[in-house]
PDB file of all heavy atoms in Angstrom:
ATOM      1  N   LEU A   1       2.811  -4.665  49.206  1.00  0.00           N
ATOM      2  CA  LEU A   1       3.257  -4.668  47.825  1.00  0.00           C
ATOM      3  C   LEU A   1       3.564  -3.292  47.310  1.00  0.00           C
ATOM      4  O   LEU A   1       2.918  -2.359  47.812  1.00  0.00           O
ATOM      5  CB  LEU A   1       2.196  -5.344  46.905  1.00  0.00           C
ATOM      6  CG  LEU A   1       1.726  -6.679  47.439  1.00  0.00           C
ATOM      7  CD1 LEU A   1       0.748  -7.283  46.305  1.00  0.00           C
ATOM      8  CD2 LEU A   1       2.889  -7.677  47.454  1.00  0.00           C
ATOM      9  N   SER A   2       4.434  -3.160  46.415  1.00  0.00           N
ATOM     10  CA  SER A   2       4.780  -1.879  45.812  1.00  0.00           C
ATOM     11  C   SER A   2       4.596  -1.934  44.372  1.00  0.00           C
ATOM     12  O   SER A   2       5.015  -2.979  43.713  1.00  0.00           O
ATOM     13  CB  SER A   2       6.289  -1.617  46.239  1.00  0.00           C
ATOM     14  OG  SER A   2       6.477  -1.418  47.669  1.00  0.00           O
ATOM     15  N   CYS A   3       4.185  -0.842  43.752  1.00  0.00           N
ATOM     16  CA  CYS A   3       4.042  -0.658  42.344  1.00  0.00           C
ATOM     17  C   CYS A   3       4.697   0.608  41.955  1.00  0.00           C
ATOM     18  O   CYS A   3       4.288   1.700  42.339  1.00  0.00           O
ATOM     19  CB  CYS A   3       2.597  -0.628  41.935  1.00  0.00           C
ATOM     20  SG  CYS A   3       2.284  -0.282  40.140  1.00  0.00           S
ATOM     21  N   ALA A   4       5.905   0.522  41.424  1.00  0.00           N
ATOM     22  CA  ALA A   4       6.759   1.763  41.165  1.00  0.00           C
ATOM     23  C   ALA A   4       6.802   1.978  39.648  1.00  0.00           C
ATOM     24  O   ALA A   4       6.979   1.096  38.869  1.00  0.00           O
ATOM     25  CB  ALA A   4       8.105   1.514  41.682  1.00  0.00           C
ATOM     26  N   ALA A   5       6.905   3.255  39.326  1.00  0.00           N
ATOM     27  CA  ALA A   5       7.116   3.769  37.979  1.00  0.00           C
ATOM     28  C   ALA A   5       8.394   4.729  37.994  1.00  0.00           C
ATOM     29  O   ALA A   5       8.579   5.565  38.905  1.00  0.00           O
ATOM     30  CB  ALA A   5       5.835   4.482  37.461  1.00  0.00           C
ATOM     31  N   SER A   6       9.154   4.572  37.036  1.00  0.00           N
ATOM     32  CA  SER A   6      10.346   5.264  36.951  1.00  0.00           C
ATOM     33  C   SER A   6      10.467   6.628  36.096  1.00  0.00           C
ATOM     34  O   SER A   6      11.221   7.452  36.220  1.00  0.00           O
ATOM     35  CB  SER A   6      11.543   4.470  36.483  1.00  0.00           C
ATOM     36  OG  SER A   6      11.402   3.876  35.157  1.00  0.00           O
ATOM     37  N   GLU A   7       9.493   6.668  35.113  1.00  0.00           N
ATOM     38  CA  GLU A   7       9.558   7.668  34.273  1.00  0.00           C
ATOM     39  C   GLU A   7       8.328   8.669  34.226  1.00  0.00           C
ATOM     40  O   GLU A   7       8.380   9.732  33.744  1.00  0.00           O
ATOM     41  CB  GLU A   7       9.668   7.130  32.820  1.00  0.00           C
ATOM     42  CG  GLU A   7      10.877   6.385  32.550  1.00  0.00           C
ATOM     43  CD  GLU A   7      11.027   5.756  31.192  1.00  0.00           C
ATOM     44  OE1 GLU A   7      10.027   5.799  30.402  1.00  0.00           O
ATOM     45  OE2 GLU A   7      12.123   5.238  30.913  1.00  0.00           O
ATOM     46  N   VAL A   8       7.195   8.117  34.658  1.00  0.00           N
ATOM     47  CA  VAL A   8       5.920   8.998  34.511  1.00  0.00           C
ATOM     48  C   VAL A   8       5.370   9.095  35.881  1.00  0.00           C
ATOM     49  O   VAL A   8       5.231   7.962  36.748  1.00  0.00           O
ATOM     50  CB  VAL A   8       4.899   8.397  33.600  1.00  0.00           C
ATOM     51  CG1 VAL A   8       3.535   9.057  33.669  1.00  0.00           C
ATOM     52  CG2 VAL A   8       5.408   8.232  32.178  1.00  0.00           C
ATOM     53  N   PRO A   9       5.037  10.263  36.369  1.00  0.00           N
ATOM     54  CA  PRO A   9       4.491  10.399  37.682  1.00  0.00           C
ATOM     55  C   PRO A   9       3.085   9.566  37.819  1.00  0.00           C
ATOM     56  O   PRO A   9       2.058   9.888  37.093  1.00  0.00           O
ATOM     57  CB  PRO A   9       4.142  11.869  37.803  1.00  0.00           C
ATOM     58  CG  PRO A   9       5.144  12.576  36.894  1.00  0.00           C
ATOM     59  CD  PRO A   9       5.138  11.564  35.778  1.00  0.00           C
ATOM     60  N   LEU A  10       3.072   8.689  38.722  1.00  0.00           N
ATOM     61  CA  LEU A  10       1.847   7.838  39.007  1.00  0.00           C
ATOM     62  C   LEU A  10       0.690   8.667  39.455  1.00  0.00           C
ATOM     63  O   LEU A  10      -0.436   8.229  39.261  1.00  0.00           O
ATOM     64  CB  LEU A  10       2.099   6.577  39.887  1.00  0.00           C
ATOM     65  CG  LEU A  10       2.943   5.505  39.309  1.00  0.00           C
ATOM     66  CD1 LEU A  10       3.035   4.411  40.295  1.00  0.00           C
ATOM     67  CD2 LEU A  10       2.189   4.926  37.977  1.00  0.00           C
ATOM     68  N   ASP A  11       0.922   9.841  40.012  1.00  0.00           N
ATOM     69  CA  ASP A  11      -0.164  10.645  40.445  1.00  0.00           C
ATOM     70  C   ASP A  11      -1.029  11.155  39.465  1.00  0.00           C
ATOM     71  O   ASP A  11      -2.262  11.535  39.726  1.00  0.00           O
ATOM     72  CB  ASP A  11       0.403  11.847  41.302  1.00  0.00           C
ATOM     73  CG  ASP A  11      -0.590  12.492  42.061  1.00  0.00           C
ATOM     74  OD1 ASP A  11      -1.467  12.017  42.748  1.00  0.00           O
ATOM     75  OD2 ASP A  11      -0.675  13.770  42.026  1.00  0.00           O
ATOM     76  N   TYR A  12      -0.464  11.060  38.214  1.00  0.00           N
ATOM     77  CA  TYR A  12      -1.469  11.498  37.036  1.00  0.00           C
ATOM     78  C   TYR A  12      -2.376  10.418  36.700  1.00  0.00           C
ATOM     79  O   TYR A  12      -3.413  10.738  36.002  1.00  0.00           O
ATOM     80  CB  TYR A  12      -0.477  11.627  35.784  1.00  0.00           C
ATOM     81  CG  TYR A  12       0.429  12.690  35.899  1.00  0.00           C
ATOM     82  CD1 TYR A  12       1.222  13.074  34.681  1.00  0.00           C
ATOM     83  CD2 TYR A  12       0.526  13.697  36.874  1.00  0.00           C
ATOM     84  CE1 TYR A  12       2.195  14.067  34.577  1.00  0.00           C
ATOM     85  CE2 TYR A  12       1.469  14.747  36.741  1.00  0.00           C
ATOM     86  CZ  TYR A  12       2.226  14.952  35.629  1.00  0.00           C
ATOM     87  OH  TYR A  12       3.194  15.896  35.697  1.00  0.00           O
ATOM     88  N   TYR A  13      -2.310   9.172  37.251  1.00  0.00           N
ATOM     89  CA  TYR A  13      -3.237   8.110  36.954  1.00  0.00           C
ATOM     90  C   TYR A  13      -3.877   7.536  37.984  1.00  0.00           C
ATOM     91  O   TYR A  13      -3.364   7.449  39.222  1.00  0.00           O
ATOM     92  CB  TYR A  13      -2.298   7.064  36.225  1.00  0.00           C
ATOM     93  CG  TYR A  13      -1.560   7.434  34.923  1.00  0.00           C
ATOM     94  CD1 TYR A  13      -0.216   7.912  35.184  1.00  0.00           C
ATOM     95  CD2 TYR A  13      -2.095   7.427  33.706  1.00  0.00           C
ATOM     96  CE1 TYR A  13       0.449   8.335  34.008  1.00  0.00           C
ATOM     97  CE2 TYR A  13      -1.398   7.757  32.661  1.00  0.00           C
ATOM     98  CZ  TYR A  13      -0.106   8.277  32.751  1.00  0.00           C
ATOM     99  OH  TYR A  13       0.525   8.757  31.639  1.00  0.00           O
ATOM    100  N   ALA A  14      -4.977   6.868  37.766  1.00  0.00           N
ATOM    101  CA  ALA A  14      -5.648   5.960  38.649  1.00  0.00           C
ATOM    102  C   ALA A  14      -4.659   4.698  38.623  1.00  0.00           C
ATOM    103  O   ALA A  14      -4.206   4.323  37.411  1.00  0.00           O
ATOM    104  CB  ALA A  14      -7.021   5.585  38.322  1.00  0.00           C
ATOM    105  N   VAL A  15      -4.357   3.969  39.611  1.00  0.00           N
ATOM    106  CA  VAL A  15      -3.606   2.826  39.634  1.00  0.00           C
ATOM    107  C   VAL A  15      -4.462   1.721  40.328  1.00  0.00           C
ATOM    108  O   VAL A  15      -4.970   2.006  41.491  1.00  0.00           O
ATOM    109  CB  VAL A  15      -2.291   3.051  40.309  1.00  0.00           C
ATOM    110  CG1 VAL A  15      -1.420   1.711  40.326  1.00  0.00           C
ATOM    111  CG2 VAL A  15      -1.494   4.037  39.655  1.00  0.00           C
ATOM    112  N   ALA A  16      -4.336   0.582  39.826  1.00  0.00           N
ATOM    113  CA  ALA A  16      -5.231  -0.513  40.393  1.00  0.00           C
ATOM    114  C   ALA A  16      -4.262  -1.825  40.533  1.00  0.00           C
ATOM    115  O   ALA A  16      -3.346  -2.030  39.708  1.00  0.00           O
ATOM    116  CB  ALA A  16      -6.304  -1.012  39.556  1.00  0.00           C
ATOM    117  N   TRP A  17      -4.615  -2.417  41.611  1.00  0.00           N
ATOM    118  CA  TRP A  17      -3.865  -3.864  41.836  1.00  0.00           C
ATOM    119  C   TRP A  17      -4.903  -4.947  41.266  1.00  0.00           C
ATOM    120  O   TRP A  17      -6.078  -4.859  41.639  1.00  0.00           O
ATOM    121  CB  TRP A  17      -3.489  -4.067  43.241  1.00  0.00           C
ATOM    122  CG  TRP A  17      -2.398  -3.369  43.692  1.00  0.00           C
ATOM    123  CD1 TRP A  17      -2.365  -2.098  44.310  1.00  0.00           C
ATOM    124  CD2 TRP A  17      -0.993  -3.806  43.583  1.00  0.00           C
ATOM    125  NE1 TRP A  17      -1.039  -1.787  44.711  1.00  0.00           N
ATOM    126  CE2 TRP A  17      -0.175  -2.707  44.174  1.00  0.00           C
ATOM    127  CE3 TRP A  17      -0.360  -4.823  43.001  1.00  0.00           C
ATOM    128  CZ2 TRP A  17       1.104  -2.765  44.234  1.00  0.00           C
ATOM    129  CZ3 TRP A  17       1.011  -4.926  43.139  1.00  0.00           C
ATOM    130  CH2 TRP A  17       1.755  -3.981  43.681  1.00  0.00           C
ATOM    131  N   PHE A  18      -4.378  -5.913  40.647  1.00  0.00           N
ATOM    132  CA  PHE A  18      -5.160  -7.095  40.209  1.00  0.00           C
ATOM    133  C   PHE A  18      -4.295  -8.325  40.696  1.00  0.00           C
ATOM    134  O   PHE A  18      -3.203  -8.245  40.845  1.00  0.00           O
ATOM    135  CB  PHE A  18      -5.270  -7.125  38.570  1.00  0.00           C
ATOM    136  CG  PHE A  18      -6.245  -6.170  38.046  1.00  0.00           C
ATOM    137  CD1 PHE A  18      -6.027  -4.806  38.182  1.00  0.00           C
ATOM    138  CD2 PHE A  18      -7.431  -6.581  37.479  1.00  0.00           C
ATOM    139  CE1 PHE A  18      -6.917  -3.894  37.537  1.00  0.00           C
ATOM    140  CE2 PHE A  18      -8.308  -5.731  36.910  1.00  0.00           C
ATOM    141  CZ  PHE A  18      -8.105  -4.431  36.936  1.00  0.00           C
ATOM    142  N   ARG A  19      -5.020  -9.331  40.733  1.00  0.00           N
ATOM    143  CA  ARG A  19      -4.409 -10.625  41.022  1.00  0.00           C
ATOM    144  C   ARG A  19      -4.861 -11.723  40.099  1.00  0.00           C
ATOM    145  O   ARG A  19      -6.100 -11.669  39.658  1.00  0.00           O
ATOM    146  CB  ARG A  19      -4.597 -10.990  42.472  1.00  0.00           C
ATOM    147  CG  ARG A  19      -6.064 -11.246  42.937  1.00  0.00           C
ATOM    148  CD  ARG A  19      -6.094 -11.535  44.463  1.00  0.00           C
ATOM    149  NE  ARG A  19      -7.394 -11.761  44.889  1.00  0.00           N
ATOM    150  CZ  ARG A  19      -7.795 -11.821  46.096  1.00  0.00           C
ATOM    151  NH1 ARG A  19      -6.839 -11.490  47.134  1.00  0.00           N
ATOM    152  NH2 ARG A  19      -9.004 -11.975  46.553  1.00  0.00           N
ATOM    153  N   GLU A  20      -4.020 -12.698  39.924  1.00  0.00           N
ATOM    154  CA  GLU A  20      -4.329 -13.845  39.084  1.00  0.00           C
ATOM    155  C   GLU A  20      -3.912 -15.066  39.564  1.00  0.00           C
ATOM    156  O   GLU A  20      -2.547 -15.347  39.767  1.00  0.00           O
ATOM    157  CB  GLU A  20      -3.753 -13.570  37.676  1.00  0.00           C
ATOM    158  CG  GLU A  20      -4.080 -14.574  36.637  1.00  0.00           C
ATOM    159  CD  GLU A  20      -3.717 -14.292  35.225  1.00  0.00           C
ATOM    160  OE1 GLU A  20      -3.418 -13.124  34.888  1.00  0.00           O
ATOM    161  OE2 GLU A  20      -3.581 -15.242  34.251  1.00  0.00           O
ATOM    162  N   ALA A  21      -4.773 -16.063  39.927  1.00  0.00           N
ATOM    163  CA  ALA A  21      -4.392 -17.477  40.354  1.00  0.00           C
ATOM    164  C   ALA A  21      -4.334 -18.242  39.027  1.00  0.00           C
ATOM    165  O   ALA A  21      -4.976 -17.968  38.110  1.00  0.00           O
ATOM    166  CB  ALA A  21      -5.328 -17.878  41.358  1.00  0.00           C
ATOM    167  N   PRO A  22      -3.661 -19.295  39.127  1.00  0.00           N
ATOM    168  CA  PRO A  22      -3.467 -20.237  37.926  1.00  0.00           C
ATOM    169  C   PRO A  22      -4.971 -20.708  37.475  1.00  0.00           C
ATOM    170  O   PRO A  22      -5.745 -21.168  38.287  1.00  0.00           O
ATOM    171  CB  PRO A  22      -2.785 -21.407  38.499  1.00  0.00           C
ATOM    172  CG  PRO A  22      -1.926 -20.847  39.557  1.00  0.00           C
ATOM    173  CD  PRO A  22      -2.687 -19.878  40.184  1.00  0.00           C
ATOM    174  N   GLY A  23      -5.274 -20.518  36.310  1.00  0.00           N
ATOM    175  CA  GLY A  23      -6.435 -20.896  35.650  1.00  0.00           C
ATOM    176  C   GLY A  23      -7.649 -20.033  35.930  1.00  0.00           C
ATOM    177  O   GLY A  23      -8.852 -20.274  35.474  1.00  0.00           O
ATOM    178  N   LYS A  24      -7.461 -18.861  36.584  1.00  0.00           N
ATOM    179  CA  LYS A  24      -8.565 -17.992  36.946  1.00  0.00           C
ATOM    180  C   LYS A  24      -8.300 -16.580  36.214  1.00  0.00           C
ATOM    181  O   LYS A  24      -7.254 -16.249  35.772  1.00  0.00           O
ATOM    182  CB  LYS A  24      -8.582 -17.836  38.511  1.00  0.00           C
ATOM    183  CG  LYS A  24      -8.933 -18.962  39.232  1.00  0.00           C
ATOM    184  CD  LYS A  24      -9.053 -18.601  40.699  1.00  0.00           C
ATOM    185  CE  LYS A  24      -9.442 -19.915  41.492  1.00  0.00           C
ATOM    186  NZ  LYS A  24      -9.753 -19.638  42.945  1.00  0.00           N
ATOM    187  N   GLU A  25      -9.524 -15.948  36.182  1.00  0.00           N
ATOM    188  CA  GLU A  25      -9.518 -14.662  35.504  1.00  0.00           C
ATOM    189  C   GLU A  25      -8.703 -13.561  36.344  1.00  0.00           C
ATOM    190  O   GLU A  25      -8.711 -13.778  37.534  1.00  0.00           O
ATOM    191  CB  GLU A  25     -11.019 -14.144  35.471  1.00  0.00           C
ATOM    192  CG  GLU A  25     -11.176 -12.714  34.905  1.00  0.00           C
ATOM    193  CD  GLU A  25     -11.100 -12.691  33.365  1.00  0.00           C
ATOM    194  OE1 GLU A  25     -10.903 -13.754  32.717  1.00  0.00           O
ATOM    195  OE2 GLU A  25     -11.321 -11.568  32.792  1.00  0.00           O
ATOM    196  N   ARG A  26      -7.982 -12.681  35.696  1.00  0.00           N
ATOM    197  CA  ARG A  26      -7.293 -11.612  36.429  1.00  0.00           C
ATOM    198  C   ARG A  26      -8.436 -10.806  37.153  1.00  0.00           C
ATOM    199  O   ARG A  26      -9.291 -10.231  36.370  1.00  0.00           O
ATOM    200  CB  ARG A  26      -6.534 -10.824  35.527  1.00  0.00           C
ATOM    201  CG  ARG A  26      -5.438  -9.954  36.221  1.00  0.00           C
ATOM    202  CD  ARG A  26      -4.452  -9.399  35.265  1.00  0.00           C
ATOM    203  NE  ARG A  26      -3.494 -10.450  34.871  1.00  0.00           N
ATOM    204  CZ  ARG A  26      -2.428 -10.124  34.218  1.00  0.00           C
ATOM    205  NH1 ARG A  26      -2.090  -8.936  33.958  1.00  0.00           N
ATOM    206  NH2 ARG A  26      -1.641 -11.198  33.809  1.00  0.00           N
ATOM    207  N   GLU A  27      -8.322 -10.608  38.454  1.00  0.00           N
ATOM    208  CA  GLU A  27      -9.327  -9.963  39.225  1.00  0.00           C
ATOM    209  C   GLU A  27      -8.887  -8.611  39.743  1.00  0.00           C
ATOM    210  O   GLU A  27      -7.725  -8.458  40.334  1.00  0.00           O
ATOM    211  CB  GLU A  27      -9.762 -10.941  40.316  1.00  0.00           C
ATOM    212  CG  GLU A  27     -10.642 -10.295  41.331  1.00  0.00           C
ATOM    213  CD  GLU A  27     -10.723 -11.118  42.774  1.00  0.00           C
ATOM    214  OE1 GLU A  27      -9.744 -11.822  42.870  1.00  0.00           O
ATOM    215  OE2 GLU A  27     -11.719 -11.085  43.381  1.00  0.00           O
ATOM    216  N   GLY A  28      -9.666  -7.641  39.662  1.00  0.00           N
ATOM    217  CA  GLY A  28      -9.296  -6.280  40.348  1.00  0.00           C
ATOM    218  C   GLY A  28      -9.466  -6.402  41.764  1.00  0.00           C
ATOM    219  O   GLY A  28     -10.432  -6.813  42.279  1.00  0.00           O
ATOM    220  N   VAL A  29      -8.533  -5.954  42.528  1.00  0.00           N
ATOM    221  CA  VAL A  29      -8.396  -6.082  43.853  1.00  0.00           C
ATOM    222  C   VAL A  29      -8.672  -4.723  44.589  1.00  0.00           C
ATOM    223  O   VAL A  29      -9.377  -4.564  45.543  1.00  0.00           O
ATOM    224  CB  VAL A  29      -7.144  -6.749  44.351  1.00  0.00           C
ATOM    225  CG1 VAL A  29      -6.994  -6.663  45.900  1.00  0.00           C
ATOM    226  CG2 VAL A  29      -6.941  -8.006  43.855  1.00  0.00           C
TER     227      VAL A  29
END
């Protein structure tokens, strides 16, 4: 999977992946 930003350097930030299955809480991965 890719998470791309076009305007702000992502290196300035912590970046996290989350996932959400139907009916479930969005979960940090």
